[in-house]
Amino acid sequence: MSGIPNLVEGNKAYAASFTQGDLALPPSQKYAVLTCMDARIDPAAAFNIPLGAAHVIRNAGASARAGFRDLVISQQLLGTTEVLLVKHTGCGMLTFDNATASGLIAKNKGEQAAKEVEDLDFLAFPHLEQAVRDDVKWLKERAVEEGVKVTGWIYEVDTGKVRNVV
């Protein structure tokens, strides 16, 4: 099923009552949330983020390495001073490694496609809490992150609750 009908029809309803077109470009609460792209997570609702309050950066597994460019832009160009890294239970990134992903691509799309991703690190991880700790540590070790508060969290998809890890 295509997402186009959702986008078009949903946007008509949204735009009909939209009144916040005058919000400032920098996020008003000066923080960024880096979370997973998992469709079971609604960051604005789950983390109580009003429109215009924070940057929400999403990628597979809430990877600090994959989101680093966006965090640098958020901080250096738009003034955020805090990062909330939020991974989640039941994450697909817990279920495979680079060899498995590359093998699946070769099987599904052929050798040319496999060659296109042969050097790609899919940034999967086998242990959720350790992955949160590792990503927070990695961010804190970057000079560009100096003076930025970084915390790590786990969102539980079955309860909707979030818990602090580091």
N, C-alpha and C. Protein backbone atom coordinates (compact mmCIF):
# COMPACT_ATOMS: atom_id res chain seq x y z
N MET A 1 0.84 -1.19 0.00
CA MET A 1 0.00 0.00 0.00
C MET A 1 0.88 1.25 0.00
N SER A 2 0.49 2.21 -0.73
CA SER A 2 1.23 3.46 -0.85
C SER A 2 0.93 4.41 0.32
N GLY A 3 1.94 5.16 0.70
CA GLY A 3 1.75 6.17 1.73
C GLY A 3 1.22 7.48 1.18
N ILE A 4 1.13 7.60 -0.14
CA ILE A 4 0.71 8.86 -0.76
C ILE A 4 -0.69 9.29 -0.31
N PRO A 5 -1.68 8.39 -0.28
CA PRO A 5 -3.00 8.83 0.19
C PRO A 5 -2.96 9.37 1.63
N ASN A 6 -2.20 8.72 2.51
CA ASN A 6 -2.07 9.23 3.87
C ASN A 6 -1.48 10.63 3.87
N LEU A 7 -0.42 10.82 3.09
CA LEU A 7 0.24 12.12 3.04
C LEU A 7 -0.71 13.19 2.51
N VAL A 8 -1.33 12.93 1.40
CA VAL A 8 -2.18 13.93 0.75
C VAL A 8 -3.43 14.24 1.58
N GLU A 9 -4.17 13.22 1.94
CA GLU A 9 -5.43 13.44 2.67
C GLU A 9 -5.16 13.91 4.11
N GLY A 10 -4.18 13.30 4.74
CA GLY A 10 -3.84 13.71 6.10
C GLY A 10 -3.36 15.15 6.14
N ASN A 11 -2.60 15.54 5.14
CA ASN A 11 -2.10 16.91 5.11
C ASN A 11 -3.22 17.92 4.89
N LYS A 12 -4.21 17.57 4.12
CA LYS A 12 -5.34 18.49 3.92
C LYS A 12 -6.00 18.81 5.26
N ALA A 13 -6.25 17.79 6.05
CA ALA A 13 -6.88 17.99 7.36
C ALA A 13 -5.95 18.78 8.29
N TYR A 14 -4.68 18.46 8.29
CA TYR A 14 -3.70 19.13 9.14
C TYR A 14 -3.59 20.61 8.75
N ALA A 15 -3.41 20.86 7.47
CA ALA A 15 -3.22 22.24 7.00
C ALA A 15 -4.46 23.10 7.21
N ALA A 16 -5.64 22.49 7.18
CA ALA A 16 -6.89 23.25 7.35
C ALA A 16 -6.98 23.91 8.72
N SER A 17 -6.34 23.33 9.71
CA SER A 17 -6.40 23.92 11.05
C SER A 17 -5.02 24.35 11.58
N PHE A 18 -4.02 24.38 10.70
CA PHE A 18 -2.66 24.72 11.10
C PHE A 18 -2.54 26.19 11.44
N THR A 19 -1.99 26.48 12.62
CA THR A 19 -1.87 27.87 13.08
C THR A 19 -0.47 28.20 13.60
N GLN A 20 0.50 27.32 13.38
CA GLN A 20 1.81 27.53 13.99
C GLN A 20 2.91 27.82 12.97
N GLY A 21 2.57 28.47 11.90
CA GLY A 21 3.53 28.79 10.85
C GLY A 21 4.53 29.85 11.22
N ASP A 22 4.38 30.45 12.39
CA ASP A 22 5.30 31.52 12.80
C ASP A 22 6.36 31.05 13.80
N LEU A 23 6.50 29.74 13.99
CA LEU A 23 7.51 29.23 14.93
C LEU A 23 8.91 29.56 14.42
N ALA A 24 9.82 29.79 15.35
CA ALA A 24 11.21 30.09 15.00
C ALA A 24 11.91 28.84 14.47
N LEU A 25 12.95 29.03 13.66
CA LEU A 25 13.71 27.92 13.12
C LEU A 25 14.44 27.12 14.20
N PRO A 26 15.18 27.74 15.11
CA PRO A 26 15.84 26.94 16.15
C PRO A 26 14.80 26.37 17.11
N PRO A 27 15.03 25.14 17.60
CA PRO A 27 14.08 24.55 18.53
C PRO A 27 14.03 25.33 19.84
N SER A 28 12.85 25.63 20.31
CA SER A 28 12.66 26.50 21.47
C SER A 28 13.21 25.92 22.77
N GLN A 29 13.24 24.59 22.89
CA GLN A 29 13.72 23.98 24.13
C GLN A 29 15.17 23.50 24.02
N LYS A 30 15.81 23.78 22.91
CA LYS A 30 17.25 23.58 22.70
C LYS A 30 17.76 22.17 22.94
N TYR A 31 16.96 21.16 22.57
CA TYR A 31 17.46 19.80 22.65
C TYR A 31 17.11 19.03 21.38
N ALA A 32 17.85 17.95 21.19
CA ALA A 32 17.60 17.04 20.08
C ALA A 32 17.34 15.66 20.64
N VAL A 33 16.41 14.96 20.03
CA VAL A 33 16.14 13.56 20.35
C VAL A 33 16.61 12.74 19.16
N LEU A 34 17.49 11.79 19.43
CA LEU A 34 17.94 10.86 18.41
C LEU A 34 17.29 9.52 18.73
N THR A 35 16.38 9.07 17.89
CA THR A 35 15.65 7.83 18.16
C THR A 35 15.56 7.00 16.89
N CYS A 36 15.00 5.83 17.03
CA CYS A 36 14.90 4.88 15.93
C CYS A 36 13.77 5.27 14.97
N MET A 37 13.90 4.79 13.75
CA MET A 37 12.87 5.04 12.73
C MET A 37 11.70 4.08 12.85
N ASP A 38 11.73 3.18 13.83
CA ASP A 38 10.69 2.18 14.02
C ASP A 38 9.31 2.85 14.01
N ALA A 39 8.41 2.31 13.22
CA ALA A 39 7.07 2.89 13.05
C ALA A 39 6.21 2.80 14.31
N ARG A 40 6.64 2.02 15.30
CA ARG A 40 5.88 1.90 16.55
C ARG A 40 6.18 3.03 17.52
N ILE A 41 7.09 3.92 17.16
CA ILE A 41 7.46 5.03 18.04
C ILE A 41 6.94 6.34 17.45
N ASP A 42 6.15 7.07 18.22
CA ASP A 42 5.69 8.41 17.87
C ASP A 42 6.39 9.36 18.83
N PRO A 43 7.56 9.88 18.45
CA PRO A 43 8.36 10.66 19.39
C PRO A 43 7.63 11.86 19.99
N ALA A 44 6.87 12.58 19.20
CA ALA A 44 6.17 13.76 19.72
C ALA A 44 5.21 13.36 20.84
N ALA A 45 4.48 12.28 20.64
CA ALA A 45 3.52 11.83 21.66
C ALA A 45 4.22 11.13 22.82
N ALA A 46 5.14 10.22 22.52
CA ALA A 46 5.78 9.42 23.56
C ALA A 46 6.68 10.24 24.48
N PHE A 47 7.28 11.29 23.94
CA PHE A 47 8.24 12.08 24.71
C PHE A 47 7.75 13.51 24.98
N ASN A 48 6.47 13.74 24.71
CA ASN A 48 5.83 15.04 24.98
C ASN A 48 6.60 16.20 24.36
N ILE A 49 6.80 16.14 23.05
CA ILE A 49 7.55 17.17 22.34
C ILE A 49 6.58 18.04 21.55
N PRO A 50 6.33 19.26 22.01
CA PRO A 50 5.47 20.17 21.23
C PRO A 50 6.14 20.58 19.92
N LEU A 51 5.34 20.94 18.95
CA LEU A 51 5.87 21.42 17.68
C LEU A 51 6.80 22.61 17.92
N GLY A 52 7.97 22.56 17.33
CA GLY A 52 8.93 23.65 17.44
C GLY A 52 9.84 23.56 18.65
N ALA A 53 9.65 22.57 19.52
CA ALA A 53 10.41 22.51 20.77
C ALA A 53 11.77 21.84 20.63
N ALA A 54 11.89 20.82 19.77
CA ALA A 54 13.11 20.03 19.70
C ALA A 54 13.31 19.47 18.30
N HIS A 55 14.55 19.14 18.00
CA HIS A 55 14.81 18.39 16.77
C HIS A 55 14.60 16.91 17.07
N VAL A 56 13.95 16.21 16.18
CA VAL A 56 13.80 14.77 16.29
C VAL A 56 14.52 14.16 15.08
N ILE A 57 15.57 13.42 15.38
CA ILE A 57 16.40 12.78 14.36
C ILE A 57 16.15 11.28 14.46
N ARG A 58 15.84 10.68 13.33
CA ARG A 58 15.50 9.25 13.34
C ARG A 58 16.36 8.50 12.34
N ASN A 59 16.82 7.33 12.75
CA ASN A 59 17.50 6.42 11.84
C ASN A 59 17.37 5.00 12.39
N ALA A 60 17.78 4.03 11.63
CA ALA A 60 17.69 2.64 12.07
C ALA A 60 18.55 2.43 13.31
N GLY A 61 17.91 2.07 14.41
CA GLY A 61 18.62 1.77 15.65
C GLY A 61 19.02 2.96 16.49
N ALA A 62 18.59 4.16 16.13
CA ALA A 62 19.00 5.37 16.85
C ALA A 62 20.51 5.45 16.95
N SER A 63 21.19 5.23 15.85
CA SER A 63 22.65 5.20 15.81
C SER A 63 23.26 6.59 15.93
N ALA A 64 24.14 6.75 16.91
CA ALA A 64 24.84 8.02 17.08
C ALA A 64 25.74 8.32 15.88
N ARG A 65 26.39 7.28 15.37
CA ARG A 65 27.28 7.47 14.21
C ARG A 65 26.49 7.91 12.98
N ALA A 66 25.37 7.25 12.73
CA ALA A 66 24.55 7.59 11.57
C ALA A 66 23.91 8.97 11.71
N GLY A 67 23.60 9.38 12.94
CA GLY A 67 22.95 10.66 13.18
C GLY A 67 23.89 11.81 13.49
N PHE A 68 25.19 11.54 13.49
CA PHE A 68 26.16 12.55 13.93
C PHE A 68 26.10 13.83 13.10
N ARG A 69 26.03 13.72 11.80
CA ARG A 69 25.95 14.92 10.94
C ARG A 69 24.77 15.79 11.36
N ASP A 70 23.62 15.16 11.59
CA ASP A 70 22.43 15.91 11.96
C ASP A 70 22.57 16.56 13.33
N LEU A 71 23.21 15.84 14.26
CA LEU A 71 23.45 16.41 15.59
C LEU A 71 24.38 17.62 15.52
N VAL A 72 25.40 17.53 14.70
CA VAL A 72 26.32 18.66 14.53
C VAL A 72 25.58 19.87 13.98
N ILE A 73 24.74 19.66 12.99
CA ILE A 73 23.94 20.76 12.43
C ILE A 73 23.00 21.32 13.49
N SER A 74 22.34 20.44 14.22
CA SER A 74 21.40 20.85 15.27
C SER A 74 22.09 21.74 16.30
N GLN A 75 23.29 21.36 16.69
CA GLN A 75 24.00 22.10 17.73
C GLN A 75 24.70 23.34 17.18
N GLN A 76 25.50 23.17 16.17
CA GLN A 76 26.36 24.25 15.71
C GLN A 76 25.62 25.32 14.91
N LEU A 77 24.60 24.94 14.18
CA LEU A 77 23.87 25.91 13.37
C LEU A 77 22.57 26.36 14.00
N LEU A 78 22.00 25.52 14.89
CA LEU A 78 20.67 25.83 15.41
C LEU A 78 20.58 25.87 16.92
N GLY A 79 21.72 25.75 17.60
CA GLY A 79 21.80 26.08 19.01
C GLY A 79 21.34 25.07 20.04
N THR A 80 21.15 23.79 19.66
CA THR A 80 20.76 22.83 20.68
C THR A 80 21.95 22.52 21.59
N THR A 81 21.66 22.23 22.85
CA THR A 81 22.72 22.01 23.84
C THR A 81 22.55 20.68 24.59
N GLU A 82 21.62 19.86 24.14
CA GLU A 82 21.37 18.59 24.82
C GLU A 82 20.93 17.55 23.79
N VAL A 83 21.37 16.31 24.01
CA VAL A 83 20.98 15.18 23.16
C VAL A 83 20.38 14.10 24.03
N LEU A 84 19.18 13.66 23.67
CA LEU A 84 18.55 12.51 24.31
C LEU A 84 18.57 11.39 23.29
N LEU A 85 19.41 10.39 23.51
CA LEU A 85 19.52 9.24 22.63
C LEU A 85 18.56 8.17 23.15
N VAL A 86 17.60 7.76 22.31
CA VAL A 86 16.55 6.83 22.75
C VAL A 86 16.47 5.63 21.81
N LYS A 87 17.01 4.50 22.27
CA LYS A 87 16.85 3.24 21.56
C LYS A 87 15.59 2.56 22.13
N HIS A 88 15.24 1.37 21.64
CA HIS A 88 13.99 0.76 22.11
C HIS A 88 14.04 -0.75 22.13
N THR A 89 13.18 -1.32 22.95
CA THR A 89 13.04 -2.77 23.01
C THR A 89 12.48 -3.27 21.68
N GLY A 90 12.79 -4.51 21.37
CA GLY A 90 12.25 -5.11 20.15
C GLY A 90 12.80 -4.50 18.87
N CYS A 91 13.95 -3.86 18.94
CA CYS A 91 14.53 -3.20 17.76
C CYS A 91 15.04 -4.23 16.76
N GLY A 92 14.76 -4.00 15.50
CA GLY A 92 15.24 -4.88 14.45
C GLY A 92 16.75 -4.95 14.37
N MET A 93 17.45 -3.91 14.84
CA MET A 93 18.91 -3.88 14.78
C MET A 93 19.54 -4.90 15.72
N LEU A 94 18.75 -5.48 16.60
CA LEU A 94 19.21 -6.54 17.50
C LEU A 94 19.19 -7.91 16.83
N THR A 95 18.64 -8.00 15.63
CA THR A 95 18.34 -9.30 15.03
C THR A 95 19.29 -9.75 13.93
N PHE A 96 20.31 -8.96 13.61
CA PHE A 96 21.20 -9.35 12.51
C PHE A 96 22.58 -8.73 12.71
N ASP A 97 23.51 -9.12 11.83
CA ASP A 97 24.84 -8.51 11.80
C ASP A 97 25.14 -8.14 10.35
N ASN A 98 26.32 -7.57 10.10
CA ASN A 98 26.65 -7.12 8.75
C ASN A 98 26.62 -8.26 7.73
N ALA A 99 27.16 -9.43 8.11
CA ALA A 99 27.20 -10.56 7.18
C ALA A 99 25.79 -11.02 6.81
N THR A 100 24.91 -11.06 7.78
CA THR A 100 23.52 -11.46 7.52
C THR A 100 22.84 -10.47 6.58
N ALA A 101 23.01 -9.18 6.84
CA ALA A 101 22.39 -8.15 6.00
C ALA A 101 22.94 -8.21 4.58
N SER A 102 24.25 -8.32 4.44
CA SER A 102 24.86 -8.39 3.11
C SER A 102 24.40 -9.64 2.36
N GLY A 103 24.32 -10.77 3.07
CA GLY A 103 23.85 -12.00 2.45
C GLY A 103 22.42 -11.90 1.96
N LEU A 104 21.58 -11.25 2.75
CA LEU A 104 20.18 -11.08 2.36
C LEU A 104 20.07 -10.19 1.12
N ILE A 105 20.88 -9.16 1.07
CA ILE A 105 20.86 -8.28 -0.11
C ILE A 105 21.31 -9.05 -1.35
N ALA A 106 22.35 -9.86 -1.22
CA ALA A 106 22.83 -10.66 -2.35
C ALA A 106 21.74 -11.63 -2.81
N LYS A 107 21.07 -12.25 -1.86
CA LYS A 107 20.00 -13.21 -2.19
C LYS A 107 18.82 -12.52 -2.87
N ASN A 108 18.40 -11.37 -2.33
CA ASN A 108 17.21 -10.69 -2.83
C ASN A 108 17.45 -9.84 -4.07
N LYS A 109 18.62 -9.24 -4.18
CA LYS A 109 18.85 -8.27 -5.24
C LYS A 109 20.01 -8.61 -6.18
N GLY A 110 20.80 -9.63 -5.82
CA GLY A 110 21.88 -10.05 -6.70
C GLY A 110 23.23 -9.50 -6.30
N GLU A 111 24.24 -9.98 -7.01
CA GLU A 111 25.63 -9.66 -6.66
C GLU A 111 25.98 -8.18 -6.87
N GLN A 112 25.42 -7.55 -7.88
CA GLN A 112 25.72 -6.12 -8.09
C GLN A 112 25.26 -5.29 -6.89
N ALA A 113 24.07 -5.57 -6.42
CA ALA A 113 23.56 -4.87 -5.24
C ALA A 113 24.42 -5.18 -4.02
N ALA A 114 24.85 -6.43 -3.88
CA ALA A 114 25.71 -6.81 -2.75
C ALA A 114 27.03 -6.04 -2.80
N LYS A 115 27.58 -5.85 -3.98
CA LYS A 115 28.83 -5.08 -4.12
C LYS A 115 28.63 -3.62 -3.71
N GLU A 116 27.44 -3.08 -3.98
CA GLU A 116 27.16 -1.68 -3.64
C GLU A 116 27.16 -1.44 -2.13
N VAL A 117 26.91 -2.48 -1.35
CA VAL A 117 26.85 -2.33 0.11
C VAL A 117 27.96 -3.09 0.83
N GLU A 118 28.94 -3.62 0.09
CA GLU A 118 29.94 -4.48 0.71
C GLU A 118 30.75 -3.79 1.80
N ASP A 119 30.93 -2.49 1.73
CA ASP A 119 31.69 -1.77 2.75
C ASP A 119 30.79 -1.05 3.75
N LEU A 120 29.50 -1.26 3.66
CA LEU A 120 28.55 -0.58 4.53
C LEU A 120 28.48 -1.26 5.89
N ASP A 121 28.67 -0.47 6.93
CA ASP A 121 28.46 -0.98 8.28
C ASP A 121 27.00 -0.69 8.62
N PHE A 122 26.22 -1.71 8.83
CA PHE A 122 24.80 -1.54 9.11
C PHE A 122 24.54 -1.07 10.54
N LEU A 123 25.59 -1.03 11.37
CA LEU A 123 25.53 -0.51 12.74
C LEU A 123 24.50 -1.24 13.60
N ALA A 124 24.36 -2.55 13.36
CA ALA A 124 23.51 -3.38 14.20
C ALA A 124 24.20 -3.59 15.54
N PHE A 125 23.46 -4.08 16.51
CA PHE A 125 24.03 -4.31 17.84
C PHE A 125 23.34 -5.49 18.50
N PRO A 126 24.10 -6.28 19.29
CA PRO A 126 23.51 -7.47 19.90
C PRO A 126 22.91 -7.25 21.29
N HIS A 127 23.28 -6.15 21.95
CA HIS A 127 22.83 -5.91 23.33
C HIS A 127 22.32 -4.48 23.46
N LEU A 128 21.05 -4.32 23.80
CA LEU A 128 20.39 -3.03 23.80
C LEU A 128 21.02 -2.02 24.77
N GLU A 129 21.07 -2.35 26.06
CA GLU A 129 21.60 -1.40 27.04
C GLU A 129 23.05 -1.04 26.75
N GLN A 130 23.84 -2.02 26.34
CA GLN A 130 25.24 -1.73 26.02
C GLN A 130 25.34 -0.81 24.80
N ALA A 131 24.45 -1.00 23.83
CA ALA A 131 24.45 -0.12 22.65
C ALA A 131 24.13 1.32 23.04
N VAL A 132 23.22 1.51 24.00
CA VAL A 132 22.93 2.87 24.49
C VAL A 132 24.19 3.46 25.13
N ARG A 133 24.81 2.69 26.01
CA ARG A 133 26.03 3.17 26.68
C ARG A 133 27.14 3.49 25.66
N ASP A 134 27.32 2.60 24.70
CA ASP A 134 28.37 2.79 23.69
C ASP A 134 28.13 4.05 22.87
N ASP A 135 26.89 4.27 22.44
CA ASP A 135 26.59 5.46 21.63
C ASP A 135 26.74 6.75 22.43
N VAL A 136 26.30 6.75 23.68
CA VAL A 136 26.47 7.94 24.51
C VAL A 136 27.95 8.22 24.71
N LYS A 137 28.72 7.19 25.01
CA LYS A 137 30.17 7.34 25.18
C LYS A 137 30.80 7.87 23.91
N TRP A 138 30.42 7.31 22.76
CA TRP A 138 30.97 7.74 21.47
C TRP A 138 30.69 9.23 21.24
N LEU A 139 29.48 9.67 21.52
CA LEU A 139 29.15 11.08 21.35
C LEU A 139 29.96 11.95 22.29
N LYS A 140 30.07 11.54 23.55
CA LYS A 140 30.80 12.34 24.53
C LYS A 140 32.29 12.45 24.21
N GLU A 141 32.81 11.53 23.43
CA GLU A 141 34.23 11.55 23.05
C GLU A 141 34.52 12.49 21.89
N ARG A 142 33.51 13.03 21.25
CA ARG A 142 33.70 13.93 20.11
C ARG A 142 33.95 15.34 20.61
N ALA A 143 34.94 16.01 20.09
CA ALA A 143 35.26 17.38 20.50
C ALA A 143 34.10 18.32 20.20
N VAL A 144 33.39 18.10 19.11
CA VAL A 144 32.28 18.97 18.74
C VAL A 144 31.13 18.85 19.74
N GLU A 145 31.12 17.77 20.51
CA GLU A 145 30.07 17.56 21.51
C GLU A 145 30.43 18.15 22.87
N GLU A 146 31.63 18.66 23.02
CA GLU A 146 32.06 19.20 24.31
C GLU A 146 31.07 20.28 24.80
N GLY A 147 30.63 20.12 26.03
CA GLY A 147 29.68 21.06 26.61
C GLY A 147 28.22 20.73 26.32
N VAL A 148 27.99 19.67 25.57
CA VAL A 148 26.63 19.24 25.24
C VAL A 148 26.24 18.11 26.20
N LYS A 149 25.09 18.23 26.82
CA LYS A 149 24.60 17.18 27.71
C LYS A 149 24.06 16.03 26.85
N VAL A 150 24.54 14.82 27.12
CA VAL A 150 24.11 13.64 26.36
C VAL A 150 23.64 12.58 27.35
N THR A 151 22.40 12.12 27.18
CA THR A 151 21.88 11.04 28.01
C THR A 151 21.34 9.93 27.12
N GLY A 152 21.25 8.72 27.69
CA GLY A 152 20.79 7.57 26.93
C GLY A 152 19.60 6.92 27.60
N TRP A 153 18.63 6.51 26.78
CA TRP A 153 17.34 6.02 27.26
C TRP A 153 16.92 4.79 26.48
N ILE A 154 16.00 4.03 27.05
CA ILE A 154 15.35 2.93 26.35
C ILE A 154 13.84 3.13 26.44
N TYR A 155 13.20 3.10 25.29
CA TYR A 155 11.75 3.17 25.19
C TYR A 155 11.24 1.73 25.08
N GLU A 156 10.27 1.39 25.89
CA GLU A 156 9.70 0.04 25.87
C GLU A 156 8.46 0.05 24.98
N VAL A 157 8.56 -0.62 23.83
CA VAL A 157 7.46 -0.57 22.86
C VAL A 157 6.19 -1.24 23.37
N ASP A 158 6.31 -2.16 24.33
CA ASP A 158 5.11 -2.84 24.79
C ASP A 158 4.36 -2.08 25.88
N THR A 159 5.03 -1.13 26.56
CA THR A 159 4.37 -0.36 27.62
C THR A 159 4.29 1.13 27.33
N GLY A 160 5.12 1.61 26.40
CA GLY A 160 5.18 3.05 26.13
C GLY A 160 6.04 3.80 27.12
N LYS A 161 6.66 3.10 28.06
CA LYS A 161 7.48 3.75 29.09
C LYS A 161 8.91 3.92 28.62
N VAL A 162 9.56 4.93 29.17
CA VAL A 162 10.97 5.19 28.87
C VAL A 162 11.75 5.09 30.17
N ARG A 163 12.98 4.57 30.05
CA ARG A 163 13.83 4.49 31.25
C ARG A 163 15.23 4.97 30.92
N ASN A 164 15.83 5.62 31.88
CA ASN A 164 17.18 6.16 31.73
C ASN A 164 18.21 5.06 31.91
N VAL A 165 19.18 5.01 31.02
CA VAL A 165 20.27 4.04 31.09
C VAL A 165 21.55 4.74 31.54
N VAL A 166 21.83 5.87 30.94
CA VAL A 166 23.05 6.63 31.26
C VAL A 166 22.82 8.11 30.98
